Structures are given as structure tokens and as C-alpha cells.
Amino acid sequence: MHSLFVRATTPQPSVAGKSAAIDVLIPARDEASTIAAVVRSIPRALVRRVIVIDNGSRDDTARCARDAGAIVVAAPLAGYGNACLAALAWLHADDASDDPVLAFMVADGSDDPRELPRITDPVLTGRADLVIGSRSRGFIEPGAMPPWQRGGSLFAAAVLTARFGSQVTDLGPFRAIRRSTLDALDMRDPTYGWTLEMQIKAARASLRITEAPVAWRHRRGGTPKVAGTLRGTLGATRAILAWLDGAVRGPAHDPIR
């Protein structure tokens, strides 16, 4: 089987004056069947904390995550963006001066945690401000991404490339950015548009954005929340198109301001 395995090694040294801490953030909604394995598979020698954001789960997601060693933050208001915003609020309340590298992952096992250094090292060492895990540059397990999801991602990436001039190949959720950098982007989207909003605002701010090849696997259990459902697909499509309109026409046309 094809693998983009990256061995968990000693963390790369951070640039002078910057925190060397890495916190992994995992928004999760009804992922009790997968979350424990995901948390346990994260190379703990590389990270300070694994934080699971329980996004209104109706199952035992929170308990399973906590038993596996994660910190659990409650985000009862449904929506991927709401979960991420709740995590940022928790981090600020925990220590407003702390500035770790934040790595975002999905809760269903589609991301391979062994590839974490591909995502975090460029930020940790000061070579990039935002790193996007590109499944297009990496490897997608056959059948792991529905054609409409892959086509939509490629379309959005092409629009961003044309608008901002730098090559974009994916909107993947596996990504890393420093907390202070993310705070400065003033993120607002509460649901499906969060990841695209981040990339658009980072490009507008002339941040150093790079992509790293990563794998995308079949979910390890449970049921799809976005691409595998009509409601999720339509919601994500609306959010993506609205943010792309803002990208093309300017911040005054962003769907959430």
C-alpha cells in the first residue's frame, strides 16, 4: 500500500523567541467509534496537548477522547467553525500569552497522524506561516473521497490560484498555523467555510502559505458528516461558493464579516 509515512522523531527546533509547543486540535461530532484510536495514534513525543472539541455529540465521543488521553473542550453549537472557535476561546482562557503551533486534524481517521511533522515543521522552524496538507499532492485511497468532493476542492483551489497567484491544490483540513497568526485572521465562519476562510484571509494578509503532500484514507468508522450526506454536501457547497465570491470580489463581499 502506498504510504507517505513520516517517522515520529525529535521535534524540530523552533525559531528564536517562538514557542516550540504543538497542540493538536480535533473537532469531533458523534465520532465515538474512531476518536480514541485517532488520539492514541498521534505521536506524543511531538506534541504538547491533544485537544478534542466535542461539537454537540450525542454519543460517547467526549468520554472516549478523554479516556484516550485528550483534553476535551465542549462546543455544543453545531458546526466545524463553531468547534474551532470554541477551541481558540479555550486556549485564550487557558493562557492568553501562549503561542503554540496549532495542528488541525479530522476525528474519523482519514488523516494519518504519523504525517504530523510534514505539517508542523515548516511553521515551527519559521519557514511558513500556514501549511495546508494537500491530498492532491499526496495520496488518496481509492474511494476515500467522493468525486463531487474532489471536484469541488479542485475547483475552489483553481479559483484561489487564479485570484492570488500562488499555486493551490487543496482545501484539506489537516493544517498548521501559530495561534497568534490565526487570531490575527479574525476567523468568523461557524460551519463548513472555516478552512476556506482561513486560506483566503491568509492570502489577503500575504502570509507565507505552503502545501505538504499528505494521505487521505477511508474513515475508520462511524458515518460521514459532510461529503457522504446530501445535507452536508449542499451546505459545504453553499459555503465554498460564498467564500469564493468574496475571494474574487473582495472582503466587502465575504459571507461573514
C-alpha atoms as a PDB file:
ATOM      1  CA  MET A   1       0.000   0.000   0.000  1.00  0.00           C
ATOM      2  CA  HIS A   2       1.189   3.471  -0.820  1.00  0.00           C
ATOM      3  CA  SER A   3       2.283   5.384   2.264  1.00  0.00           C
ATOM      4  CA  LEU A   4       3.516   8.863   2.999  1.00  0.00           C
ATOM      5  CA  PHE A   5       4.715   7.680   6.372  1.00  0.00           C
ATOM      6  CA  VAL A   6       6.880  10.178   8.240  1.00  0.00           C
ATOM      7  CA  ARG A   7       8.639   8.716  11.244  1.00  0.00           C
ATOM      8  CA  ALA A   8       7.972  10.483  14.548  1.00  0.00           C
ATOM      9  CA  THR A   9      11.313  11.942  15.530  1.00  0.00           C
ATOM     10  CA  THR A  10      12.591  14.627  17.854  1.00  0.00           C
ATOM     11  CA  PRO A  11      10.657  17.862  17.182  1.00  0.00           C
ATOM     12  CA  GLN A  12      12.425  20.409  15.019  1.00  0.00           C
ATOM     13  CA  PRO A  13      13.815  23.390  16.962  1.00  0.00           C
ATOM     14  CA  SER A  14      11.616  26.446  16.926  1.00  0.00           C
ATOM     15  CA  VAL A  15      12.870  29.807  15.714  1.00  0.00           C
ATOM     16  CA  ALA A  16      14.306  32.093  18.375  1.00  0.00           C
ATOM     17  CA  GLY A  17      11.698  33.670  20.587  1.00  0.00           C
ATOM     18  CA  LYS A  18       8.890  31.379  19.402  1.00  0.00           C
ATOM     19  CA  SER A  19       7.181  28.631  21.338  1.00  0.00           C
ATOM     20  CA  ALA A  20       8.195  25.089  20.392  1.00  0.00           C
ATOM     21  CA  ALA A  21       4.878  23.706  21.661  1.00  0.00           C
ATOM     22  CA  ILE A  22       2.467  21.945  19.317  1.00  0.00           C
ATOM     23  CA  ASP A  23      -1.196  21.498  20.215  1.00  0.00           C
ATOM     24  CA  VAL A  24      -3.357  19.217  18.061  1.00  0.00           C
ATOM     25  CA  LEU A  25      -6.998  20.319  17.681  1.00  0.00           C
ATOM     26  CA  ILE A  26      -9.589  17.740  16.638  1.00  0.00           C
ATOM     27  CA  PRO A  27     -13.207  18.873  16.174  1.00  0.00           C
ATOM     28  CA  ALA A  28     -15.467  15.851  16.663  1.00  0.00           C
ATOM     29  CA  ARG A  29     -19.186  15.204  16.446  1.00  0.00           C
ATOM     30  CA  ASP A  30     -20.510  11.694  17.080  1.00  0.00           C
ATOM     31  CA  GLU A  31     -17.144  10.021  16.476  1.00  0.00           C
ATOM     32  CA  ALA A  32     -17.079   7.625  19.449  1.00  0.00           C
ATOM     33  CA  SER A  33     -16.084   4.745  17.184  1.00  0.00           C
ATOM     34  CA  THR A  34     -12.918   6.453  15.922  1.00  0.00           C
ATOM     35  CA  ILE A  35     -11.758   9.204  18.259  1.00  0.00           C
ATOM     36  CA  ALA A  36      -9.846   7.067  20.777  1.00  0.00           C
ATOM     37  CA  ALA A  37      -7.751   5.420  18.063  1.00  0.00           C
ATOM     38  CA  VAL A  38      -7.062   8.800  16.457  1.00  0.00           C
ATOM     39  CA  VAL A  39      -5.932  10.328  19.759  1.00  0.00           C
ATOM     40  CA  ARG A  40      -3.724   7.356  20.628  1.00  0.00           C
ATOM     41  CA  SER A  41      -2.087   7.326  17.202  1.00  0.00           C
ATOM     42  CA  ILE A  42      -0.784  10.895  17.480  1.00  0.00           C
ATOM     43  CA  PRO A  43       2.987  10.805  18.163  1.00  0.00           C
ATOM     44  CA  ARG A  44       3.018  12.252  21.672  1.00  0.00           C
ATOM     45  CA  ALA A  45       6.769  12.889  21.590  1.00  0.00           C
ATOM     46  CA  LEU A  46       5.997  15.638  19.075  1.00  0.00           C
ATOM     47  CA  VAL A  47       3.018  17.347  20.697  1.00  0.00           C
ATOM     48  CA  ARG A  48       2.241  19.039  23.973  1.00  0.00           C
ATOM     49  CA  ARG A  49      -1.519  18.504  24.064  1.00  0.00           C
ATOM     50  CA  VAL A  50      -4.226  16.777  22.092  1.00  0.00           C
ATOM     51  CA  ILE A  51      -7.451  18.757  22.363  1.00  0.00           C
ATOM     52  CA  VAL A  52     -10.694  17.225  21.160  1.00  0.00           C
ATOM     53  CA  ILE A  53     -13.557  19.661  20.673  1.00  0.00           C
ATOM     54  CA  ASP A  54     -16.801  17.827  21.336  1.00  0.00           C
ATOM     55  CA  ASN A  55     -19.205  19.502  18.928  1.00  0.00           C
ATOM     56  CA  GLY A  56     -22.529  18.554  20.490  1.00  0.00           C
ATOM     57  CA  SER A  57     -22.026  14.799  20.210  1.00  0.00           C
ATOM     58  CA  ARG A  58     -24.948  12.544  21.101  1.00  0.00           C
ATOM     59  CA  ASP A  59     -22.696   9.541  21.709  1.00  0.00           C
ATOM     60  CA  ASP A  60     -19.665   8.865  23.920  1.00  0.00           C
ATOM     61  CA  THR A  61     -17.180  10.899  21.876  1.00  0.00           C
ATOM     62  CA  ALA A  62     -16.144  13.049  24.858  1.00  0.00           C
ATOM     63  CA  ARG A  63     -15.612  10.098  27.199  1.00  0.00           C
ATOM     64  CA  CYS A  64     -13.698   8.081  24.604  1.00  0.00           C
ATOM     65  CA  ALA A  65     -11.433  11.035  23.824  1.00  0.00           C
ATOM     66  CA  ARG A  66     -10.777  11.734  27.498  1.00  0.00           C
ATOM     67  CA  ASP A  67     -10.040   8.076  28.256  1.00  0.00           C
ATOM     68  CA  ALA A  68      -7.526   8.086  25.383  1.00  0.00           C
ATOM     69  CA  GLY A  69      -5.637  10.982  26.970  1.00  0.00           C
ATOM     70  CA  ALA A  70      -7.079  14.038  25.248  1.00  0.00           C
ATOM     71  CA  ILE A  71      -8.271  17.276  26.776  1.00  0.00           C
ATOM     72  CA  VAL A  72     -11.939  17.694  25.880  1.00  0.00           C
ATOM     73  CA  VAL A  73     -13.462  21.110  25.191  1.00  0.00           C
ATOM     74  CA  ALA A  74     -17.235  21.394  24.885  1.00  0.00           C
ATOM     75  CA  ALA A  75     -18.662  23.191  21.831  1.00  0.00           C
ATOM     76  CA  PRO A  76     -22.401  22.470  21.916  1.00  0.00           C
ATOM     77  CA  LEU A  77     -23.255  24.763  18.994  1.00  0.00           C
ATOM     78  CA  ALA A  78     -23.027  22.560  15.908  1.00  0.00           C
ATOM     79  CA  GLY A  79     -20.633  23.472  13.100  1.00  0.00           C
ATOM     80  CA  TYR A  80     -16.977  22.837  12.288  1.00  0.00           C
ATOM     81  CA  GLY A  81     -16.178  26.531  12.559  1.00  0.00           C
ATOM     82  CA  ASN A  82     -18.005  26.787  15.888  1.00  0.00           C
ATOM     83  CA  ALA A  83     -15.880  23.936  17.213  1.00  0.00           C
ATOM     84  CA  CYS A  84     -12.662  25.621  16.084  1.00  0.00           C
ATOM     85  CA  LEU A  85     -13.741  28.966  17.545  1.00  0.00           C
ATOM     86  CA  ALA A  86     -14.537  27.254  20.853  1.00  0.00           C
ATOM     87  CA  ALA A  87     -11.042  25.768  20.874  1.00  0.00           C
ATOM     88  CA  LEU A  88      -9.476  29.177  20.298  1.00  0.00           C
ATOM     89  CA  ALA A  89     -11.540  30.648  23.131  1.00  0.00           C
ATOM     90  CA  TRP A  90     -10.417  27.821  25.427  1.00  0.00           C
ATOM     91  CA  LEU A  91      -6.763  28.351  24.502  1.00  0.00           C
ATOM     92  CA  HIS A  92      -7.034  32.071  25.183  1.00  0.00           C
ATOM     93  CA  ALA A  93      -8.674  31.480  28.554  1.00  0.00           C
ATOM     94  CA  ASP A  94      -6.038  28.882  29.454  1.00  0.00           C
ATOM     95  CA  ASP A  95      -3.101  31.199  28.716  1.00  0.00           C
ATOM     96  CA  ALA A  96      -3.578  34.336  26.649  1.00  0.00           C
ATOM     97  CA  SER A  97       0.183  34.786  26.154  1.00  0.00           C
ATOM     98  CA  ASP A  98       0.831  31.258  24.918  1.00  0.00           C
ATOM     99  CA  ASP A  99       1.591  30.945  21.196  1.00  0.00           C
ATOM    100  CA  PRO A 100       1.831  27.289  20.175  1.00  0.00           C
ATOM    101  CA  VAL A 101       1.694  25.851  16.709  1.00  0.00           C
ATOM    102  CA  LEU A 102      -1.845  24.574  16.195  1.00  0.00           C
ATOM    103  CA  ALA A 103      -2.359  21.479  14.076  1.00  0.00           C
ATOM    104  CA  PHE A 104      -5.915  20.723  12.918  1.00  0.00           C
ATOM    105  CA  MET A 105      -6.966  17.153  12.145  1.00  0.00           C
ATOM    106  CA  VAL A 106     -10.215  15.310  11.461  1.00  0.00           C
ATOM    107  CA  ALA A 107     -11.673  12.912  14.016  1.00  0.00           C
ATOM    108  CA  ASP A 108     -12.553   9.999  11.749  1.00  0.00           C
ATOM    109  CA  GLY A 109      -9.054   8.711  10.999  1.00  0.00           C
ATOM    110  CA  SER A 110      -8.890   9.979   7.415  1.00  0.00           C
ATOM    111  CA  ASP A 111      -5.747  11.976   8.250  1.00  0.00           C
ATOM    112  CA  ASP A 112      -2.622   9.999   9.105  1.00  0.00           C
ATOM    113  CA  PRO A 113      -1.200  11.371  12.393  1.00  0.00           C
ATOM    114  CA  ARG A 114       2.239   9.987  11.537  1.00  0.00           C
ATOM    115  CA  GLU A 115       2.464  12.743   8.919  1.00  0.00           C
ATOM    116  CA  LEU A 116       2.194  15.473  11.544  1.00  0.00           C
ATOM    117  CA  PRO A 117       5.822  16.643  11.082  1.00  0.00           C
ATOM    118  CA  ARG A 118       5.099  17.401   7.405  1.00  0.00           C
ATOM    119  CA  ILE A 119       2.503  19.898   8.578  1.00  0.00           C
ATOM    120  CA  THR A 120       4.065  21.383  11.683  1.00  0.00           C
ATOM    121  CA  ASP A 121       7.808  21.575  10.958  1.00  0.00           C
ATOM    122  CA  PRO A 122       7.642  24.447   8.410  1.00  0.00           C
ATOM    123  CA  VAL A 123       5.689  26.580  10.903  1.00  0.00           C
ATOM    124  CA  LEU A 124       7.786  25.521  13.869  1.00  0.00           C
ATOM    125  CA  THR A 125      11.029  26.453  12.125  1.00  0.00           C
ATOM    126  CA  GLY A 126       9.715  29.734  10.711  1.00  0.00           C
ATOM    127  CA  ARG A 127       9.706  28.666   7.062  1.00  0.00           C
ATOM    128  CA  ALA A 128       5.937  29.112   6.657  1.00  0.00           C
ATOM    129  CA  ASP A 129       3.032  30.823   8.386  1.00  0.00           C
ATOM    130  CA  LEU A 130       0.361  28.371   7.244  1.00  0.00           C
ATOM    131  CA  VAL A 131       0.821  24.820   5.988  1.00  0.00           C
ATOM    132  CA  ILE A 132      -2.013  23.017   4.201  1.00  0.00           C
ATOM    133  CA  GLY A 133      -1.936  19.264   3.891  1.00  0.00           C
ATOM    134  CA  SER A 134      -2.552  18.635   0.192  1.00  0.00           C
ATOM    135  CA  ARG A 135      -4.235  15.352  -0.618  1.00  0.00           C
ATOM    136  CA  SER A 136      -3.866  16.147  -4.312  1.00  0.00           C
ATOM    137  CA  ARG A 137      -0.090  16.254  -3.934  1.00  0.00           C
ATOM    138  CA  GLY A 138      -0.141  13.153  -1.738  1.00  0.00           C
ATOM    139  CA  PHE A 139      -2.224  10.011  -1.941  1.00  0.00           C
ATOM    140  CA  ILE A 140      -5.986   9.451  -1.772  1.00  0.00           C
ATOM    141  CA  GLU A 141      -7.072   5.903  -1.025  1.00  0.00           C
ATOM    142  CA  PRO A 142      -9.355   4.654  -3.800  1.00  0.00           C
ATOM    143  CA  GLY A 143     -12.936   5.524  -2.908  1.00  0.00           C
ATOM    144  CA  ALA A 144     -11.968   7.605   0.132  1.00  0.00           C
ATOM    145  CA  MET A 145     -13.082  10.888  -1.459  1.00  0.00           C
ATOM    146  CA  PRO A 146     -16.324  11.055  -3.478  1.00  0.00           C
ATOM    147  CA  PRO A 147     -15.908  12.520  -6.983  1.00  0.00           C
ATOM    148  CA  TRP A 148     -18.058  15.562  -6.178  1.00  0.00           C
ATOM    149  CA  GLN A 149     -15.925  16.379  -3.145  1.00  0.00           C
ATOM    150  CA  ARG A 150     -12.698  16.049  -5.105  1.00  0.00           C
ATOM    151  CA  GLY A 151     -14.070  18.082  -7.999  1.00  0.00           C
ATOM    152  CA  GLY A 152     -15.307  20.824  -5.694  1.00  0.00           C
ATOM    153  CA  SER A 153     -11.961  21.039  -3.944  1.00  0.00           C
ATOM    154  CA  LEU A 154     -10.078  21.250  -7.233  1.00  0.00           C
ATOM    155  CA  PHE A 155     -12.443  23.960  -8.488  1.00  0.00           C
ATOM    156  CA  ALA A 156     -12.016  26.053  -5.348  1.00  0.00           C
ATOM    157  CA  ALA A 157      -8.243  25.573  -5.473  1.00  0.00           C
ATOM    158  CA  ALA A 158      -8.187  26.763  -9.103  1.00  0.00           C
ATOM    159  CA  VAL A 159     -10.140  29.908  -8.172  1.00  0.00           C
ATOM    160  CA  LEU A 160      -7.725  30.693  -5.326  1.00  0.00           C
ATOM    161  CA  THR A 161      -4.740  30.110  -7.610  1.00  0.00           C
ATOM    162  CA  ALA A 162      -6.138  32.475 -10.236  1.00  0.00           C
ATOM    163  CA  ARG A 163      -7.093  35.117  -7.678  1.00  0.00           C
ATOM    164  CA  PHE A 164      -3.963  35.208  -5.507  1.00  0.00           C
ATOM    165  CA  GLY A 165      -1.287  33.955  -7.870  1.00  0.00           C
ATOM    166  CA  SER A 166       0.186  31.133  -5.800  1.00  0.00           C
ATOM    167  CA  GLN A 167      -0.455  27.501  -6.666  1.00  0.00           C
ATOM    168  CA  VAL A 168      -3.205  25.972  -4.527  1.00  0.00           C
ATOM    169  CA  THR A 169      -4.166  22.318  -4.931  1.00  0.00           C
ATOM    170  CA  ASP A 170      -6.414  21.528  -1.961  1.00  0.00           C
ATOM    171  CA  LEU A 171      -8.536  22.834   0.916  1.00  0.00           C
ATOM    172  CA  GLY A 172      -7.552  19.959   3.195  1.00  0.00           C
ATOM    173  CA  PRO A 173      -8.427  20.141   6.912  1.00  0.00           C
ATOM    174  CA  PHE A 174      -5.003  18.799   8.007  1.00  0.00           C
ATOM    175  CA  ARG A 175      -3.102  22.069   8.522  1.00  0.00           C
ATOM    176  CA  ALA A 176      -0.891  24.021  10.917  1.00  0.00           C
ATOM    177  CA  ILE A 177      -0.606  27.655  11.940  1.00  0.00           C
ATOM    178  CA  ARG A 178       0.566  29.556  15.018  1.00  0.00           C
ATOM    179  CA  ARG A 179      -2.173  30.653  17.367  1.00  0.00           C
ATOM    180  CA  SER A 180      -1.209  34.335  17.154  1.00  0.00           C
ATOM    181  CA  THR A 181      -1.283  34.165  13.356  1.00  0.00           C
ATOM    182  CA  LEU A 182      -4.711  32.552  13.379  1.00  0.00           C
ATOM    183  CA  ASP A 183      -6.019  35.079  15.902  1.00  0.00           C
ATOM    184  CA  ALA A 184      -4.920  37.901  13.584  1.00  0.00           C
ATOM    185  CA  LEU A 185      -7.072  36.475  10.771  1.00  0.00           C
ATOM    186  CA  ASP A 186     -10.215  37.194  12.819  1.00  0.00           C
ATOM    187  CA  MET A 187     -11.935  33.961  11.845  1.00  0.00           C
ATOM    188  CA  ARG A 188     -15.737  34.080  11.788  1.00  0.00           C
ATOM    189  CA  ASP A 189     -17.296  31.227   9.783  1.00  0.00           C
ATOM    190  CA  PRO A 190     -19.258  28.912  12.120  1.00  0.00           C
ATOM    191  CA  THR A 191     -19.686  25.944   9.816  1.00  0.00           C
ATOM    192  CA  TYR A 192     -18.352  24.486   6.565  1.00  0.00           C
ATOM    193  CA  GLY A 193     -16.496  27.569   5.323  1.00  0.00           C
ATOM    194  CA  TRP A 194     -13.882  27.704   8.092  1.00  0.00           C
ATOM    195  CA  THR A 195     -10.984  26.128   6.209  1.00  0.00           C
ATOM    196  CA  LEU A 196     -11.544  28.164   3.049  1.00  0.00           C
ATOM    197  CA  GLU A 197     -11.966  31.366   5.046  1.00  0.00           C
ATOM    198  CA  MET A 198      -8.576  30.699   6.641  1.00  0.00           C
ATOM    199  CA  GLN A 199      -6.851  30.269   3.282  1.00  0.00           C
ATOM    200  CA  ILE A 200      -8.480  33.351   1.758  1.00  0.00           C
ATOM    201  CA  LYS A 201      -7.672  35.596   4.706  1.00  0.00           C
ATOM    202  CA  ALA A 202      -4.121  34.248   4.896  1.00  0.00           C
ATOM    203  CA  ALA A 203      -3.612  35.036   1.201  1.00  0.00           C
ATOM    204  CA  ARG A 204      -5.015  38.537   1.631  1.00  0.00           C
ATOM    205  CA  ALA A 205      -2.603  39.097   4.521  1.00  0.00           C
ATOM    206  CA  SER A 206       0.322  37.960   2.337  1.00  0.00           C
ATOM    207  CA  LEU A 207       1.208  35.182   4.747  1.00  0.00           C
ATOM    208  CA  ARG A 208       3.706  32.567   3.678  1.00  0.00           C
ATOM    209  CA  ILE A 209       1.466  29.658   2.706  1.00  0.00           C
ATOM    210  CA  THR A 210       2.817  26.307   1.620  1.00  0.00           C
ATOM    211  CA  GLU A 211       1.417  22.848   0.958  1.00  0.00           C
ATOM    212  CA  ALA A 212       2.708  19.483   2.123  1.00  0.00           C
ATOM    213  CA  PRO A 213       1.717  16.176   0.493  1.00  0.00           C
ATOM    214  CA  VAL A 214      -0.426  14.024   2.784  1.00  0.00           C
ATOM    215  CA  ALA A 215      -2.535  10.907   2.546  1.00  0.00           C
ATOM    216  CA  TRP A 216      -6.330  10.780   2.776  1.00  0.00           C
ATOM    217  CA  ARG A 217      -7.703   7.478   3.991  1.00  0.00           C
ATOM    218  CA  HIS A 218     -11.124   5.916   4.332  1.00  0.00           C
ATOM    219  CA  ARG A 219     -12.747   6.951   7.588  1.00  0.00           C
ATOM    220  CA  ARG A 220     -12.007   4.345  10.234  1.00  0.00           C
ATOM    221  CA  GLY A 221     -15.592   4.022  11.451  1.00  0.00           C
ATOM    222  CA  GLY A 222     -18.846   5.881  12.006  1.00  0.00           C
ATOM    223  CA  THR A 223     -20.804   7.745   9.372  1.00  0.00           C
ATOM    224  CA  PRO A 224     -19.834  10.722   7.165  1.00  0.00           C
ATOM    225  CA  LYS A 225     -20.977  14.172   8.294  1.00  0.00           C
ATOM    226  CA  VAL A 226     -20.288  16.196   5.133  1.00  0.00           C
ATOM    227  CA  ALA A 227     -19.303  14.595   1.816  1.00  0.00           C
ATOM    228  CA  GLY A 228     -21.289  11.429   2.423  1.00  0.00           C
ATOM    229  CA  THR A 229     -24.611  13.182   3.050  1.00  0.00           C
ATOM    230  CA  LEU A 230     -26.825  15.336   0.829  1.00  0.00           C
ATOM    231  CA  ARG A 231     -27.302  17.922   3.567  1.00  0.00           C
ATOM    232  CA  GLY A 232     -23.586  18.133   4.281  1.00  0.00           C
ATOM    233  CA  THR A 233     -22.655  18.312   0.605  1.00  0.00           C
ATOM    234  CA  LEU A 234     -25.158  21.101  -0.103  1.00  0.00           C
ATOM    235  CA  GLY A 235     -24.117  23.043   2.997  1.00  0.00           C
ATOM    236  CA  ALA A 236     -20.431  22.795   2.168  1.00  0.00           C
ATOM    237  CA  THR A 237     -21.073  23.770  -1.461  1.00  0.00           C
ATOM    238  CA  ARG A 238     -23.004  26.890  -0.451  1.00  0.00           C
ATOM    239  CA  ALA A 239     -20.298  27.944   1.991  1.00  0.00           C
ATOM    240  CA  ILE A 240     -17.493  27.371  -0.500  1.00  0.00           C
ATOM    241  CA  LEU A 241     -19.210  29.292  -3.277  1.00  0.00           C
ATOM    242  CA  ALA A 242     -19.988  32.187  -0.926  1.00  0.00           C
ATOM    243  CA  TRP A 243     -16.376  32.459   0.221  1.00  0.00           C
ATOM    244  CA  LEU A 244     -15.065  32.149  -3.326  1.00  0.00           C
ATOM    245  CA  ASP A 245     -17.311  35.049  -4.292  1.00  0.00           C
ATOM    246  CA  GLY A 246     -15.688  37.066  -1.513  1.00  0.00           C
ATOM    247  CA  ALA A 247     -12.238  35.982  -2.659  1.00  0.00           C
ATOM    248  CA  VAL A 248     -12.907  37.212  -6.194  1.00  0.00           C
ATOM    249  CA  ARG A 249     -14.830  40.411  -5.388  1.00  0.00           C
ATOM    250  CA  GLY A 250     -13.108  41.451  -2.145  1.00  0.00           C
ATOM    251  CA  PRO A 251     -13.641  41.432   1.641  1.00  0.00           C
ATOM    252  CA  ALA A 252     -16.812  43.523   1.411  1.00  0.00           C
ATOM    253  CA  HIS A 253     -18.447  40.516  -0.242  1.00  0.00           C
ATOM    254  CA  ASP A 254     -17.388  37.923   2.309  1.00  0.00           C
ATOM    255  CA  PRO A 255     -20.429  35.948   3.518  1.00  0.00           C
ATOM    256  CA  ILE A 256     -19.496  36.621   7.151  1.00  0.00           C
ATOM    257  CA  ARG A 257     -17.841  39.875   8.136  1.00  0.00           C
END
